[in-house]
Amino acid sequence: MAVSRPTTAQRRYLARGLTEPGGKLPLFDGDGQEVTAATVRACIRNGWAEPWFANPLKPDWLVCRLTPAGRSALGGRARATAPDRQPAGPAIKEVS
């Protein structure tokens, strides 16, 4: 079985979580354009990102964070420490 690797767009998206508290992934790219849902969902399917919390103002936006597998996919080491605290707001239970 081949190991899946992030595409260029997925790597750009995931890399932004390396410097954010809790590994938060962006809703918008560096040019202010919304990150495509296809990119976000592909990263979730591959285990590189996980849903973090629901945005009460924009429920259709999927707020995610980088996973240890995502760090590894970018060539970094997974953190050995406990994950950061969950932010305030409703939790996401399932992604369809």
Protein backbone atom coordinates (compact mmCIF):
# COMPACT_ATOMS: atom_id res chain seq x y z
CA MET A 1 0.00 0.00 0.00
CA ALA A 2 1.43 3.38 -1.04
CA VAL A 3 1.82 6.09 1.55
CA SER A 4 -0.21 9.16 0.63
CA ARG A 5 1.61 12.50 0.52
CA PRO A 6 0.07 15.96 0.56
CA THR A 7 -0.27 17.87 -2.70
CA THR A 8 1.30 21.30 -3.00
CA ALA A 9 -1.98 23.01 -2.01
CA GLN A 10 -2.44 20.64 0.94
CA ARG A 11 1.15 21.23 2.10
CA ARG A 12 0.63 25.02 2.01
CA TYR A 13 -2.56 24.64 4.07
CA LEU A 14 -1.04 22.24 6.60
CA ALA A 15 2.21 24.20 6.99
CA ARG A 16 0.29 27.20 8.31
CA GLY A 17 -0.66 25.10 11.37
CA LEU A 18 2.99 24.64 12.36
CA THR A 19 3.22 28.16 13.75
CA GLU A 20 -0.29 28.64 15.12
CA PRO A 21 -1.30 27.94 18.73
CA GLY A 22 -2.80 24.46 18.98
CA GLY A 23 -1.91 23.82 15.34
CA LYS A 24 -4.96 25.81 14.14
CA LEU A 25 -5.31 25.64 10.40
CA PRO A 26 -6.39 28.70 8.41
CA LEU A 27 -9.75 29.39 6.85
CA PHE A 28 -8.06 31.66 4.27
CA ASP A 29 -4.81 31.41 2.34
CA GLY A 30 -2.03 34.02 2.36
CA ASP A 31 -3.84 35.98 -0.36
CA GLY A 32 -7.11 36.16 1.61
CA GLN A 33 -8.90 33.54 -0.49
CA GLU A 34 -10.93 30.85 1.27
CA VAL A 35 -9.12 27.50 1.49
CA THR A 36 -11.16 25.11 -0.66
CA ALA A 37 -13.39 22.59 1.09
CA ALA A 38 -11.83 19.86 -1.09
CA THR A 39 -8.38 20.65 0.34
CA VAL A 40 -9.64 20.66 3.92
CA ARG A 41 -11.64 17.43 3.53
CA ALA A 42 -8.76 15.63 1.79
CA CYS A 43 -6.47 16.54 4.70
CA ILE A 44 -9.05 15.26 7.18
CA ARG A 45 -9.50 11.99 5.22
CA ASN A 46 -5.74 11.43 5.25
CA GLY A 47 -5.52 12.12 8.99
CA TRP A 48 -3.34 15.23 8.57
CA ALA A 49 -6.00 17.56 9.98
CA GLU A 50 -8.92 17.11 12.34
CA PRO A 51 -12.05 19.16 12.97
CA TRP A 52 -11.47 21.33 16.02
CA PHE A 53 -14.58 23.35 16.79
CA ALA A 54 -17.70 24.73 15.18
CA ASN A 55 -17.78 28.39 14.20
CA PRO A 56 -21.13 29.69 15.51
CA LEU A 57 -21.04 32.71 13.18
CA LYS A 58 -20.27 30.67 10.06
CA PRO A 59 -21.37 27.06 10.67
CA ASP A 60 -20.41 26.04 7.11
CA TRP A 61 -16.73 26.86 7.81
CA LEU A 62 -14.74 23.89 9.04
CA VAL A 63 -12.19 24.97 11.66
CA CYS A 64 -9.44 22.35 11.90
CA ARG A 65 -6.08 21.77 13.49
CA LEU A 66 -2.95 19.96 12.44
CA THR A 67 -2.54 16.39 13.70
CA PRO A 68 0.70 14.57 14.56
CA ALA A 69 0.31 12.71 11.24
CA GLY A 70 0.06 16.10 9.51
CA ARG A 71 3.30 17.24 11.12
CA SER A 72 4.95 14.02 9.96
CA ALA A 73 3.59 14.45 6.42
CA LEU A 74 5.32 17.83 6.34
CA GLY A 75 8.59 16.23 7.39
CA GLY A 76 8.41 17.32 11.01
CA ARG A 77 8.20 15.30 14.15
CA ALA A 78 4.92 14.74 15.93
CA ARG A 79 4.75 16.46 19.30
CA ALA A 80 5.23 14.18 22.26
CA THR A 81 3.25 16.50 24.53
CA ALA A 82 -0.47 16.44 25.20
CA PRO A 83 -2.63 18.26 22.65
CA ASP A 84 -3.52 21.85 23.37
CA ARG A 85 -6.71 22.66 25.20
CA GLN A 86 -9.95 22.69 23.21
CA PRO A 87 -11.05 26.28 22.40
CA ALA A 88 -14.34 27.62 23.66
CA GLY A 89 -17.30 26.95 21.43
CA PRO A 90 -19.37 24.01 20.30
CA ALA A 91 -17.42 20.88 19.44
CA ILE A 92 -17.64 19.20 16.06
CA LYS A 93 -18.70 15.62 16.37
CA GLU A 94 -18.67 14.39 12.78
CA VAL A 95 -17.56 15.46 9.33
CA SER A 96 -19.53 14.32 6.33
